[in-house]
Amino acid sequence: MSTKVVSQRSKNSEAAIFSRVWADEGQRLPVALARHVLKLQFSAEDQARMHELAAKNQKGGLSPEELEELDNFVRVGDLLAILQSKARRSLPKAGAARHG
Protein backbone atom coordinates (compact mmCIF):
# COMPACT_ATOMS: atom_id res chain seq x y z
CA MET A 1 0.00 0.00 0.00
CA SER A 2 1.41 3.36 -0.93
CA THR A 3 2.22 6.05 1.61
CA LYS A 4 -0.18 8.39 -0.17
CA VAL A 5 -3.11 6.00 0.35
CA VAL A 6 -2.24 5.48 4.03
CA SER A 7 -1.83 9.23 4.50
CA GLN A 8 -5.21 9.89 2.86
CA ARG A 9 -6.87 7.31 5.13
CA SER A 10 -5.29 8.87 8.21
CA LYS A 11 -6.46 12.29 7.11
CA ASN A 12 -10.01 11.01 6.72
CA SER A 13 -10.18 8.78 9.81
CA GLU A 14 -12.85 9.39 12.44
CA ALA A 15 -10.20 10.72 14.80
CA ALA A 16 -8.74 13.10 12.21
CA ILE A 17 -12.15 14.50 11.33
CA PHE A 18 -13.11 14.80 15.01
CA SER A 19 -9.81 16.55 15.71
CA ARG A 20 -10.57 19.16 13.06
CA VAL A 21 -13.95 19.82 14.70
CA TRP A 22 -12.17 20.63 17.96
CA ALA A 23 -9.19 22.41 16.37
CA ASP A 24 -10.38 26.00 16.85
CA GLU A 25 -7.75 27.33 19.25
CA GLY A 26 -9.78 30.49 19.89
CA GLN A 27 -12.56 28.56 21.59
CA ARG A 28 -11.85 27.05 24.96
CA LEU A 29 -13.92 24.62 26.97
CA PRO A 30 -15.42 25.93 30.20
CA VAL A 31 -13.03 25.13 33.06
CA ALA A 32 -15.48 22.78 34.82
CA LEU A 33 -16.04 20.81 31.61
CA ALA A 34 -12.31 20.68 30.87
CA ARG A 35 -11.61 19.27 34.32
CA HIS A 36 -14.39 16.70 33.89
CA VAL A 37 -13.06 15.60 30.48
CA LEU A 38 -9.59 15.10 31.98
CA LYS A 39 -11.07 12.65 34.49
CA LEU A 40 -12.66 10.46 31.80
CA GLN A 41 -11.04 7.08 31.34
CA PHE A 42 -11.84 3.52 30.37
CA SER A 43 -13.34 1.37 33.12
CA ALA A 44 -11.20 -1.33 34.72
CA GLU A 45 -13.31 -3.91 32.88
CA ASP A 46 -12.68 -2.24 29.53
CA GLN A 47 -8.97 -1.88 30.27
CA ALA A 48 -8.77 -5.60 31.05
CA ARG A 49 -10.63 -6.42 27.83
CA MET A 50 -8.31 -4.21 25.77
CA HIS A 51 -5.30 -5.92 27.31
CA GLU A 52 -6.81 -9.34 26.57
CA LEU A 53 -7.53 -8.39 22.96
CA ALA A 54 -4.09 -6.83 22.47
CA ALA A 55 -2.33 -9.92 23.84
CA LYS A 56 -4.44 -12.20 21.66
CA ASN A 57 -3.75 -9.95 18.64
CA GLN A 58 0.02 -10.25 19.17
CA LYS A 59 -0.38 -14.00 18.83
CA GLY A 60 -2.48 -13.55 15.68
CA GLY A 61 -5.53 -15.17 17.23
CA LEU A 62 -8.26 -12.54 16.93
CA SER A 63 -11.56 -13.37 15.28
CA PRO A 64 -13.00 -10.73 12.90
CA GLU A 65 -15.42 -9.65 15.66
CA GLU A 66 -12.61 -9.30 18.18
CA LEU A 67 -10.51 -7.32 15.71
CA GLU A 68 -13.43 -4.96 15.19
CA GLU A 69 -13.83 -4.63 18.97
CA LEU A 70 -10.13 -3.83 19.37
CA ASP A 71 -10.34 -1.26 16.55
CA ASN A 72 -13.33 0.32 18.29
CA PHE A 73 -11.36 0.65 21.52
CA VAL A 74 -8.50 2.26 19.60
CA ARG A 75 -10.82 4.75 17.89
CA VAL A 76 -12.53 5.69 21.15
CA GLY A 77 -9.11 6.10 22.77
CA ASP A 78 -8.05 8.41 19.94
CA LEU A 79 -11.21 10.51 20.33
CA LEU A 80 -10.76 10.69 24.10
CA ALA A 81 -7.15 11.79 23.64
CA ILE A 82 -8.28 14.59 21.32
CA LEU A 83 -10.88 15.79 23.82
CA GLN A 84 -8.40 15.66 26.67
CA SER A 85 -5.83 17.60 24.67
CA LYS A 86 -8.41 20.32 24.05
CA ALA A 87 -9.33 20.24 27.74
CA ARG A 88 -5.70 20.69 28.82
CA ARG A 89 -5.33 23.66 26.48
CA SER A 90 -8.55 25.14 27.88
CA LEU A 91 -7.35 25.22 31.47
CA PRO A 92 -5.45 28.25 32.66
CA LYS A 93 -1.76 27.74 33.30
CA ALA A 94 -0.93 27.48 37.01
CA GLY A 95 1.21 30.64 36.96
CA ALA A 96 -1.20 32.58 34.73
CA ALA A 97 -4.12 31.85 37.04
CA ARG A 98 -2.29 33.43 39.98
CA HIS A 99 -1.14 36.48 38.03
CA GLY A 100 -4.21 37.03 35.87
PDB file of N, CA and C in Angstrom:
ATOM      1  N   MET A   1       0.847  -1.181   0.000  1.00  0.00           N
ATOM      2  CA  MET A   1       0.000   0.000   0.000  1.00  0.00           C
ATOM      3  C   MET A   1       0.887   1.235   0.000  1.00  0.00           C
ATOM      4  N   SER A   2       0.555   2.183  -0.819  1.00  0.00           N
ATOM      5  CA  SER A   2       1.406   3.364  -0.925  1.00  0.00           C
ATOM      6  C   SER A   2       1.231   4.282   0.272  1.00  0.00           C
ATOM      7  N   THR A   3       2.257   5.091   0.521  1.00  0.00           N
ATOM      8  CA  THR A   3       2.219   6.048   1.615  1.00  0.00           C
ATOM      9  C   THR A   3       1.110   7.058   1.398  1.00  0.00           C
ATOM     10  N   LYS A   4       0.861   7.419   0.140  1.00  0.00           N
ATOM     11  CA  LYS A   4      -0.177   8.392  -0.173  1.00  0.00           C
ATOM     12  C   LYS A   4      -1.551   7.869   0.239  1.00  0.00           C
ATOM     13  N   VAL A   5      -1.825   6.581  -0.015  1.00  0.00           N
ATOM     14  CA  VAL A   5      -3.109   5.995   0.349  1.00  0.00           C
ATOM     15  C   VAL A   5      -3.254   5.954   1.868  1.00  0.00           C
ATOM     16  N   VAL A   6      -2.206   5.534   2.575  1.00  0.00           N
ATOM     17  CA  VAL A   6      -2.241   5.483   4.035  1.00  0.00           C
ATOM     18  C   VAL A   6      -2.440   6.879   4.590  1.00  0.00           C
ATOM     19  N   SER A   7      -1.721   7.857   4.052  1.00  0.00           N
ATOM     20  CA  SER A   7      -1.829   9.235   4.500  1.00  0.00           C
ATOM     21  C   SER A   7      -3.251   9.751   4.295  1.00  0.00           C
ATOM     22  N   GLN A   8      -3.846   9.450   3.150  1.00  0.00           N
ATOM     23  CA  GLN A   8      -5.210   9.888   2.860  1.00  0.00           C
ATOM     24  C   GLN A   8      -6.191   9.259   3.846  1.00  0.00           C
ATOM     25  N   ARG A   9      -5.995   7.976   4.161  1.00  0.00           N
ATOM     26  CA  ARG A   9      -6.866   7.306   5.133  1.00  0.00           C
ATOM     27  C   ARG A   9      -6.730   7.944   6.499  1.00  0.00           C
ATOM     28  N   SER A  10      -5.507   8.239   6.910  1.00  0.00           N
ATOM     29  CA  SER A  10      -5.287   8.866   8.210  1.00  0.00           C
ATOM     30  C   SER A  10      -5.960  10.224   8.268  1.00  0.00           C
ATOM     31  N   LYS A  11      -5.884  10.955   7.187  1.00  0.00           N
ATOM     32  CA  LYS A  11      -6.460  12.294   7.108  1.00  0.00           C
ATOM     33  C   LYS A  11      -7.986  12.246   7.187  1.00  0.00           C
ATOM     34  N   ASN A  12      -8.566  11.133   6.759  1.00  0.00           N
ATOM     35  CA  ASN A  12     -10.010  11.010   6.719  1.00  0.00           C
ATOM     36  C   ASN A  12     -10.557  10.058   7.780  1.00  0.00           C
ATOM     37  N   SER A  13      -9.720   9.664   8.742  1.00  0.00           N
ATOM     38  CA  SER A  13     -10.181   8.779   9.807  1.00  0.00           C
ATOM     39  C   SER A  13     -11.155   9.531  10.709  1.00  0.00           C
ATOM     40  N   GLU A  14     -11.911   8.765  11.500  1.00  0.00           N
ATOM     41  CA  GLU A  14     -12.847   9.391  12.438  1.00  0.00           C
ATOM     42  C   GLU A  14     -12.113  10.342  13.374  1.00  0.00           C
ATOM     43  N   ALA A  15     -10.967   9.900  13.869  1.00  0.00           N
ATOM     44  CA  ALA A  15     -10.203  10.721  14.804  1.00  0.00           C
ATOM     45  C   ALA A  15      -9.705  12.004  14.145  1.00  0.00           C
ATOM     46  N   ALA A  16      -9.243  11.908  12.906  1.00  0.00           N
ATOM     47  CA  ALA A  16      -8.740  13.104  12.210  1.00  0.00           C
ATOM     48  C   ALA A  16      -9.866  14.108  11.970  1.00  0.00           C
ATOM     49  N   ILE A  17     -11.005  13.623  11.556  1.00  0.00           N
ATOM     50  CA  ILE A  17     -12.154  14.504  11.327  1.00  0.00           C
ATOM     51  C   ILE A  17     -12.597  15.131  12.643  1.00  0.00           C
ATOM     52  N   PHE A  18     -12.701  14.313  13.691  1.00  0.00           N
ATOM     53  CA  PHE A  18     -13.107  14.796  15.006  1.00  0.00           C
ATOM     54  C   PHE A  18     -12.116  15.842  15.515  1.00  0.00           C
ATOM     55  N   SER A  19     -10.849  15.614  15.287  1.00  0.00           N
ATOM     56  CA  SER A  19      -9.813  16.554  15.709  1.00  0.00           C
ATOM     57  C   SER A  19     -10.001  17.912  15.039  1.00  0.00           C
ATOM     58  N   ARG A  20     -10.358  17.891  13.765  1.00  0.00           N
ATOM     59  CA  ARG A  20     -10.571  19.160  13.061  1.00  0.00           C
ATOM     60  C   ARG A  20     -11.779  19.913  13.621  1.00  0.00           C
ATOM     61  N   VAL A  21     -12.790  19.186  14.092  1.00  0.00           N
ATOM     62  CA  VAL A  21     -13.954  19.818  14.700  1.00  0.00           C
ATOM     63  C   VAL A  21     -13.536  20.591  15.947  1.00  0.00           C
ATOM     64  N   TRP A  22     -12.599  20.032  16.704  1.00  0.00           N
ATOM     65  CA  TRP A  22     -12.170  20.628  17.960  1.00  0.00           C
ATOM     66  C   TRP A  22     -10.932  21.497  17.808  1.00  0.00           C
ATOM     67  N   ALA A  23     -10.478  21.745  16.599  1.00  0.00           N
ATOM     68  CA  ALA A  23      -9.192  22.407  16.370  1.00  0.00           C
ATOM     69  C   ALA A  23      -9.191  23.909  16.615  1.00  0.00           C
ATOM     70  N   ASP A  24     -10.336  24.544  16.696  1.00  0.00           N
ATOM     71  CA  ASP A  24     -10.380  26.000  16.855  1.00  0.00           C
ATOM     72  C   ASP A  24      -9.724  26.405  18.170  1.00  0.00           C
ATOM     73  N   GLU A  25      -8.523  26.942  18.064  1.00  0.00           N
ATOM     74  CA  GLU A  25      -7.752  27.329  19.248  1.00  0.00           C
ATOM     75  C   GLU A  25      -8.370  28.524  19.972  1.00  0.00           C
ATOM     76  N   GLY A  26      -9.177  29.312  19.277  1.00  0.00           N
ATOM     77  CA  GLY A  26      -9.780  30.490  19.895  1.00  0.00           C
ATOM     78  C   GLY A  26     -10.906  30.142  20.855  1.00  0.00           C
ATOM     79  N   GLN A  27     -11.462  28.959  20.713  1.00  0.00           N
ATOM     80  CA  GLN A  27     -12.561  28.559  21.589  1.00  0.00           C
ATOM     81  C   GLN A  27     -12.050  27.577  22.629  1.00  0.00           C
ATOM     82  N   ARG A  28     -12.280  27.905  23.861  1.00  0.00           N
ATOM     83  CA  ARG A  28     -11.850  27.045  24.960  1.00  0.00           C
ATOM     84  C   ARG A  28     -13.071  26.428  25.620  1.00  0.00           C
ATOM     85  N   LEU A  29     -12.862  25.257  26.205  1.00  0.00           N
ATOM     86  CA  LEU A  29     -13.922  24.616  26.974  1.00  0.00           C
ATOM     87  C   LEU A  29     -14.077  25.342  28.298  1.00  0.00           C
ATOM     88  N   PRO A  30     -15.282  25.388  28.840  1.00  0.00           N
ATOM     89  CA  PRO A  30     -15.423  25.928  30.199  1.00  0.00           C
ATOM     90  C   PRO A  30     -14.548  25.115  31.166  1.00  0.00           C
ATOM     91  N   VAL A  31     -13.979  25.774  32.153  1.00  0.00           N
ATOM     92  CA  VAL A  31     -13.030  25.133  33.061  1.00  0.00           C
ATOM     93  C   VAL A  31     -13.620  23.881  33.703  1.00  0.00           C
ATOM     94  N   ALA A  32     -14.864  23.947  34.167  1.00  0.00           N
ATOM     95  CA  ALA A  32     -15.484  22.784  34.820  1.00  0.00           C
ATOM     96  C   ALA A  32     -15.583  21.609  33.856  1.00  0.00           C
ATOM     97  N   LEU A  33     -15.945  21.880  32.603  1.00  0.00           N
ATOM     98  CA  LEU A  33     -16.040  20.814  31.609  1.00  0.00           C
ATOM     99  C   LEU A  33     -14.660  20.253  31.289  1.00  0.00           C
ATOM    100  N   ALA A  34     -13.679  21.128  31.156  1.00  0.00           N
ATOM    101  CA  ALA A  34     -12.314  20.681  30.866  1.00  0.00           C
ATOM    102  C   ALA A  34     -11.807  19.762  31.970  1.00  0.00           C
ATOM    103  N   ARG A  35     -12.047  20.124  33.201  1.00  0.00           N
ATOM    104  CA  ARG A  35     -11.614  19.272  34.324  1.00  0.00           C
ATOM    105  C   ARG A  35     -12.331  17.932  34.305  1.00  0.00           C
ATOM    106  N   HIS A  36     -13.620  17.951  33.972  1.00  0.00           N
ATOM    107  CA  HIS A  36     -14.386  16.703  33.893  1.00  0.00           C
ATOM    108  C   HIS A  36     -13.831  15.807  32.777  1.00  0.00           C
ATOM    109  N   VAL A  37     -13.572  16.371  31.619  1.00  0.00           N
ATOM    110  CA  VAL A  37     -13.060  15.602  30.481  1.00  0.00           C
ATOM    111  C   VAL A  37     -11.727  14.947  30.842  1.00  0.00           C
ATOM    112  N   LEU A  38     -10.887  15.648  31.592  1.00  0.00           N
ATOM    113  CA  LEU A  38      -9.591  15.099  31.978  1.00  0.00           C
ATOM    114  C   LEU A  38      -9.712  13.913  32.936  1.00  0.00           C
ATOM    115  N   LYS A  39     -10.850  13.781  33.576  1.00  0.00           N
ATOM    116  CA  LYS A  39     -11.069  12.650  34.487  1.00  0.00           C
ATOM    117  C   LYS A  39     -11.622  11.420  33.765  1.00  0.00           C
ATOM    118  N   LEU A  40     -12.075  11.589  32.534  1.00  0.00           N
ATOM    119  CA  LEU A  40     -12.658  10.463  31.798  1.00  0.00           C
ATOM    120  C   LEU A  40     -11.593   9.421  31.495  1.00  0.00           C
ATOM    121  N   GLN A  41     -11.952   8.170  31.663  1.00  0.00           N
ATOM    122  CA  GLN A  41     -11.037   7.079  31.342  1.00  0.00           C
ATOM    123  C   GLN A  41     -11.843   5.803  31.136  1.00  0.00           C
ATOM    124  N   PHE A  42     -11.206   4.810  30.557  1.00  0.00           N
ATOM    125  CA  PHE A  42     -11.839   3.518  30.374  1.00  0.00           C
ATOM    126  C   PHE A  42     -12.029   2.859  31.739  1.00  0.00           C
ATOM    127  N   SER A  43     -13.103   2.108  31.877  1.00  0.00           N
ATOM    128  CA  SER A  43     -13.341   1.372  33.121  1.00  0.00           C
ATOM    129  C   SER A  43     -12.286   0.279  33.269  1.00  0.00           C
ATOM    130  N   ALA A  44     -12.150  -0.238  34.482  1.00  0.00           N
ATOM    131  CA  ALA A  44     -11.202  -1.333  34.724  1.00  0.00           C
ATOM    132  C   ALA A  44     -11.566  -2.543  33.865  1.00  0.00           C
ATOM    133  N   GLU A  45     -12.851  -2.790  33.713  1.00  0.00           N
ATOM    134  CA  GLU A  45     -13.309  -3.910  32.882  1.00  0.00           C
ATOM    135  C   GLU A  45     -12.899  -3.712  31.423  1.00  0.00           C
ATOM    136  N   ASP A  46     -13.082  -2.508  30.913  1.00  0.00           N
ATOM    137  CA  ASP A  46     -12.683  -2.237  29.526  1.00  0.00           C
ATOM    138  C   ASP A  46     -11.170  -2.299  29.359  1.00  0.00           C
ATOM    139  N   GLN A  47     -10.428  -1.805  30.336  1.00  0.00           N
ATOM    140  CA  GLN A  47      -8.971  -1.882  30.267  1.00  0.00           C
ATOM    141  C   GLN A  47      -8.504  -3.335  30.225  1.00  0.00           C
ATOM    142  N   ALA A  48      -9.126  -4.176  31.041  1.00  0.00           N
ATOM    143  CA  ALA A  48      -8.773  -5.598  31.051  1.00  0.00           C
ATOM    144  C   ALA A  48      -9.103  -6.234  29.704  1.00  0.00           C
ATOM    145  N   ARG A  49     -10.248  -5.868  29.127  1.00  0.00           N
ATOM    146  CA  ARG A  49     -10.635  -6.424  27.830  1.00  0.00           C
ATOM    147  C   ARG A  49      -9.668  -5.963  26.744  1.00  0.00           C
ATOM    148  N   MET A  50      -9.275  -4.701  26.760  1.00  0.00           N
ATOM    149  CA  MET A  50      -8.310  -4.208  25.771  1.00  0.00           C
ATOM    150  C   MET A  50      -6.991  -4.964  25.877  1.00  0.00           C
ATOM    151  N   HIS A  51      -6.546  -5.185  27.100  1.00  0.00           N
ATOM    152  CA  HIS A  51      -5.303  -5.920  27.314  1.00  0.00           C
ATOM    153  C   HIS A  51      -5.433  -7.343  26.774  1.00  0.00           C
ATOM    154  N   GLU A  52      -6.559  -7.980  27.056  1.00  0.00           N
ATOM    155  CA  GLU A  52      -6.809  -9.341  26.574  1.00  0.00           C
ATOM    156  C   GLU A  52      -6.797  -9.387  25.042  1.00  0.00           C
ATOM    157  N   LEU A  53      -7.480  -8.433  24.424  1.00  0.00           N
ATOM    158  CA  LEU A  53      -7.528  -8.392  22.961  1.00  0.00           C
ATOM    159  C   LEU A  53      -6.152  -8.100  22.369  1.00  0.00           C
ATOM    160  N   ALA A  54      -5.413  -7.185  22.977  1.00  0.00           N
ATOM    161  CA  ALA A  54      -4.092  -6.835  22.468  1.00  0.00           C
ATOM    162  C   ALA A  54      -3.142  -8.034  22.555  1.00  0.00           C
ATOM    163  N   ALA A  55      -3.192  -8.746  23.683  1.00  0.00           N
ATOM    164  CA  ALA A  55      -2.334  -9.920  23.845  1.00  0.00           C
ATOM    165  C   ALA A  55      -2.693 -10.994  22.824  1.00  0.00           C
ATOM    166  N   LYS A  56      -3.980 -11.203  22.632  1.00  0.00           N
ATOM    167  CA  LYS A  56      -4.436 -12.198  21.659  1.00  0.00           C
ATOM    168  C   LYS A  56      -4.052 -11.773  20.235  1.00  0.00           C
ATOM    169  N   ASN A  57      -4.106 -10.474  19.970  1.00  0.00           N
ATOM    170  CA  ASN A  57      -3.746  -9.951  18.644  1.00  0.00           C
ATOM    171  C   ASN A  57      -2.269 -10.173  18.350  1.00  0.00           C
ATOM    172  N   GLN A  58      -1.420 -10.035  19.365  1.00  0.00           N
ATOM    173  CA  GLN A  58       0.017 -10.247  19.173  1.00  0.00           C
ATOM    174  C   GLN A  58       0.317 -11.681  18.771  1.00  0.00           C
ATOM    175  N   LYS A  59      -0.543 -12.593  19.189  1.00  0.00           N
ATOM    176  CA  LYS A  59      -0.384 -14.004  18.826  1.00  0.00           C
ATOM    177  C   LYS A  59      -1.105 -14.338  17.527  1.00  0.00           C
ATOM    178  N   GLY A  60      -1.774 -13.337  16.940  1.00  0.00           N
ATOM    179  CA  GLY A  60      -2.482 -13.550  15.676  1.00  0.00           C
ATOM    180  C   GLY A  60      -3.758 -14.357  15.820  1.00  0.00           C
ATOM    181  N   GLY A  61      -4.374 -14.321  16.998  1.00  0.00           N
ATOM    182  CA  GLY A  61      -5.529 -15.170  17.234  1.00  0.00           C
ATOM    183  C   GLY A  61      -6.862 -14.467  17.351  1.00  0.00           C
ATOM    184  N   LEU A  62      -6.992 -13.256  16.815  1.00  0.00           N
ATOM    185  CA  LEU A  62      -8.259 -12.538  16.928  1.00  0.00           C
ATOM    186  C   LEU A  62      -9.245 -12.968  15.843  1.00  0.00           C
ATOM    187  N   SER A  63     -10.496 -13.135  16.253  1.00  0.00           N
ATOM    188  CA  SER A  63     -11.564 -13.366  15.284  1.00  0.00           C
ATOM    189  C   SER A  63     -11.889 -12.021  14.631  1.00  0.00           C
ATOM    190  N   PRO A  64     -12.604 -12.013  13.519  1.00  0.00           N
ATOM    191  CA  PRO A  64     -12.997 -10.732  12.905  1.00  0.00           C
ATOM    192  C   PRO A  64     -13.789  -9.842  13.875  1.00  0.00           C
ATOM    193  N   GLU A  65     -14.635 -10.438  14.698  1.00  0.00           N
ATOM    194  CA  GLU A  65     -15.417  -9.654  15.661  1.00  0.00           C
ATOM    195  C   GLU A  65     -14.518  -9.045  16.733  1.00  0.00           C
ATOM    196  N   GLU A  66     -13.537  -9.809  17.184  1.00  0.00           N
ATOM    197  CA  GLU A  66     -12.605  -9.297  18.184  1.00  0.00           C
ATOM    198  C   GLU A  66     -11.716  -8.208  17.605  1.00  0.00           C
ATOM    199  N   LEU A  67     -11.314  -8.352  16.364  1.00  0.00           N
ATOM    200  CA  LEU A  67     -10.510  -7.323  15.709  1.00  0.00           C
ATOM    201  C   LEU A  67     -11.303  -6.027  15.600  1.00  0.00           C
ATOM    202  N   GLU A  68     -12.572  -6.143  15.255  1.00  0.00           N
ATOM    203  CA  GLU A  68     -13.434  -4.956  15.187  1.00  0.00           C
ATOM    204  C   GLU A  68     -13.573  -4.312  16.568  1.00  0.00           C
ATOM    205  N   GLU A  69     -13.722  -5.145  17.602  1.00  0.00           N
ATOM    206  CA  GLU A  69     -13.831  -4.632  18.966  1.00  0.00           C
ATOM    207  C   GLU A  69     -12.549  -3.892  19.369  1.00  0.00           C
ATOM    208  N   LEU A  70     -11.402  -4.476  19.061  1.00  0.00           N
ATOM    209  CA  LEU A  70     -10.130  -3.828  19.368  1.00  0.00           C
ATOM    210  C   LEU A  70     -10.001  -2.508  18.605  1.00  0.00           C
ATOM    211  N   ASP A  71     -10.367  -2.506  17.343  1.00  0.00           N
ATOM    212  CA  ASP A  71     -10.340  -1.263  16.551  1.00  0.00           C
ATOM    213  C   ASP A  71     -11.252  -0.207  17.162  1.00  0.00           C
ATOM    214  N   ASN A  72     -12.407  -0.627  17.658  1.00  0.00           N
ATOM    215  CA  ASN A  72     -13.327   0.321  18.291  1.00  0.00           C
ATOM    216  C   ASN A  72     -12.706   0.933  19.540  1.00  0.00           C
ATOM    217  N   PHE A  73     -12.037   0.113  20.343  1.00  0.00           N
ATOM    218  CA  PHE A  73     -11.358   0.646  21.521  1.00  0.00           C
ATOM    219  C   PHE A  73     -10.287   1.660  21.120  1.00  0.00           C
ATOM    220  N   VAL A  74      -9.549   1.356  20.075  1.00  0.00           N
ATOM    221  CA  VAL A  74      -8.496   2.263  19.600  1.00  0.00           C
ATOM    222  C   VAL A  74      -9.111   3.582  19.149  1.00  0.00           C
ATOM    223  N   ARG A  75     -10.175   3.517  18.381  1.00  0.00           N
ATOM    224  CA  ARG A  75     -10.820   4.747  17.892  1.00  0.00           C
ATOM    225  C   ARG A  75     -11.365   5.586  19.038  1.00  0.00           C
ATOM    226  N   VAL A  76     -12.015   4.946  19.998  1.00  0.00           N
ATOM    227  CA  VAL A  76     -12.533   5.692  21.146  1.00  0.00           C
ATOM    228  C   VAL A  76     -11.373   6.302  21.935  1.00  0.00           C
ATOM    229  N   GLY A  77     -10.292   5.564  22.094  1.00  0.00           N
ATOM    230  CA  GLY A  77      -9.115   6.103  22.772  1.00  0.00           C
ATOM    231  C   GLY A  77      -8.552   7.323  22.053  1.00  0.00           C
ATOM    232  N   ASP A  78      -8.524   7.262  20.730  1.00  0.00           N
ATOM    233  CA  ASP A  78      -8.054   8.409  19.944  1.00  0.00           C
ATOM    234  C   ASP A  78      -8.954   9.625  20.168  1.00  0.00           C
ATOM    235  N   LEU A  79     -10.271   9.412  20.138  1.00  0.00           N
ATOM    236  CA  LEU A  79     -11.212  10.513  20.330  1.00  0.00           C
ATOM    237  C   LEU A  79     -11.085  11.091  21.741  1.00  0.00           C
ATOM    238  N   LEU A  80     -10.935  10.224  22.725  1.00  0.00           N
ATOM    239  CA  LEU A  80     -10.763  10.689  24.097  1.00  0.00           C
ATOM    240  C   LEU A  80      -9.474  11.501  24.232  1.00  0.00           C
ATOM    241  N   ALA A  81      -8.418  11.058  23.595  1.00  0.00           N
ATOM    242  CA  ALA A  81      -7.145  11.793  23.642  1.00  0.00           C
ATOM    243  C   ALA A  81      -7.297  13.185  23.026  1.00  0.00           C
ATOM    244  N   ILE A  82      -8.047  13.284  21.950  1.00  0.00           N
ATOM    245  CA  ILE A  82      -8.276  14.589  21.316  1.00  0.00           C
ATOM    246  C   ILE A  82      -9.036  15.508  22.265  1.00  0.00           C
ATOM    247  N   LEU A  83     -10.104  14.985  22.863  1.00  0.00           N
ATOM    248  CA  LEU A  83     -10.876  15.794  23.817  1.00  0.00           C
ATOM    249  C   LEU A  83     -10.031  16.224  25.001  1.00  0.00           C
ATOM    250  N   GLN A  84      -9.223  15.319  25.508  1.00  0.00           N
ATOM    251  CA  GLN A  84      -8.400  15.656  26.668  1.00  0.00           C
ATOM    252  C   GLN A  84      -7.311  16.658  26.322  1.00  0.00           C
ATOM    253  N   SER A  85      -6.811  16.601  25.115  1.00  0.00           N
ATOM    254  CA  SER A  85      -5.833  17.596  24.673  1.00  0.00           C
ATOM    255  C   SER A  85      -6.478  18.984  24.639  1.00  0.00           C
ATOM    256  N   LYS A  86      -7.682  19.054  24.088  1.00  0.00           N
ATOM    257  CA  LYS A  86      -8.414  20.322  24.050  1.00  0.00           C
ATOM    258  C   LYS A  86      -8.691  20.798  25.473  1.00  0.00           C
ATOM    259  N   ALA A  87      -9.050  19.872  26.350  1.00  0.00           N
ATOM    260  CA  ALA A  87      -9.330  20.237  27.740  1.00  0.00           C
ATOM    261  C   ALA A  87      -8.089  20.816  28.418  1.00  0.00           C
ATOM    262  N   ARG A  88      -6.936  20.175  28.210  1.00  0.00           N
ATOM    263  CA  ARG A  88      -5.697  20.685  28.820  1.00  0.00           C
ATOM    264  C   ARG A  88      -5.386  22.091  28.315  1.00  0.00           C
ATOM    265  N   ARG A  89      -5.596  22.330  27.029  1.00  0.00           N
ATOM    266  CA  ARG A  89      -5.332  23.664  26.476  1.00  0.00           C
ATOM    267  C   ARG A  89      -6.346  24.690  26.958  1.00  0.00           C
ATOM    268  N   SER A  90      -7.500  24.231  27.425  1.00  0.00           N
ATOM    269  CA  SER A  90      -8.551  25.138  27.883  1.00  0.00           C
ATOM    270  C   SER A  90      -8.348  25.601  29.318  1.00  0.00           C
ATOM    271  N   LEU A  91      -7.564  24.851  30.070  1.00  0.00           N
ATOM    272  CA  LEU A  91      -7.346  25.215  31.474  1.00  0.00           C
ATOM    273  C   LEU A  91      -6.274  26.287  31.581  1.00  0.00           C
ATOM    274  N   PRO A  92      -6.474  27.217  32.483  1.00  0.00           N
ATOM    275  CA  PRO A  92      -5.446  28.245  32.659  1.00  0.00           C
ATOM    276  C   PRO A  92      -4.164  27.630  33.189  1.00  0.00           C
ATOM    277  N   LYS A  93      -3.051  28.174  32.783  1.00  0.00           N
ATOM    278  CA  LYS A  93      -1.763  27.735  33.299  1.00  0.00           C
ATOM    279  C   LYS A  93      -1.701  28.079  34.785  1.00  0.00           C
ATOM    280  N   ALA A  94      -1.009  27.273  35.555  1.00  0.00           N
ATOM    281  CA  ALA A  94      -0.933  27.475  37.007  1.00  0.00           C
ATOM    282  C   ALA A  94      -0.414  28.882  37.350  1.00  0.00           C
ATOM    283  N   GLY A  95       0.654  29.299  36.683  1.00  0.00           N
ATOM    284  CA  GLY A  95       1.211  30.636  36.960  1.00  0.00           C
ATOM    285  C   GLY A  95       0.314  31.747  36.461  1.00  0.00           C
ATOM    286  N   ALA A  96      -0.334  31.543  35.312  1.00  0.00           N
ATOM    287  CA  ALA A  96      -1.196  32.576  34.734  1.00  0.00           C
ATOM    288  C   ALA A  96      -2.422  32.792  35.603  1.00  0.00           C
ATOM    289  N   ALA A  97      -2.921  31.727  36.220  1.00  0.00           N
ATOM    290  CA  ALA A  97      -4.121  31.847  37.044  1.00  0.00           C
ATOM    291  C   ALA A  97      -3.845  32.738  38.270  1.00  0.00           C
ATOM    292  N   ARG A  98      -2.650  32.632  38.807  1.00  0.00           N
ATOM    293  CA  ARG A  98      -2.293  33.429  39.977  1.00  0.00           C
ATOM    294  C   ARG A  98      -2.040  34.895  39.623  1.00  0.00           C
ATOM    295  N   HIS A  99      -1.530  35.135  38.418  1.00  0.00           N
ATOM    296  CA  HIS A  99      -1.137  36.480  38.032  1.00  0.00           C
ATOM    297  C   HIS A  99      -2.187  37.182  37.198  1.00  0.00           C
ATOM    298  N   GLY A 100      -3.225  36.452  36.770  1.00  0.00           N
ATOM    299  CA  GLY A 100      -4.210  37.034  35.867  1.00  0.00           C
ATOM    300  C   GLY A 100      -5.196  37.823  36.582  1.00  0.00           C
TER     301      GLY A 100
END
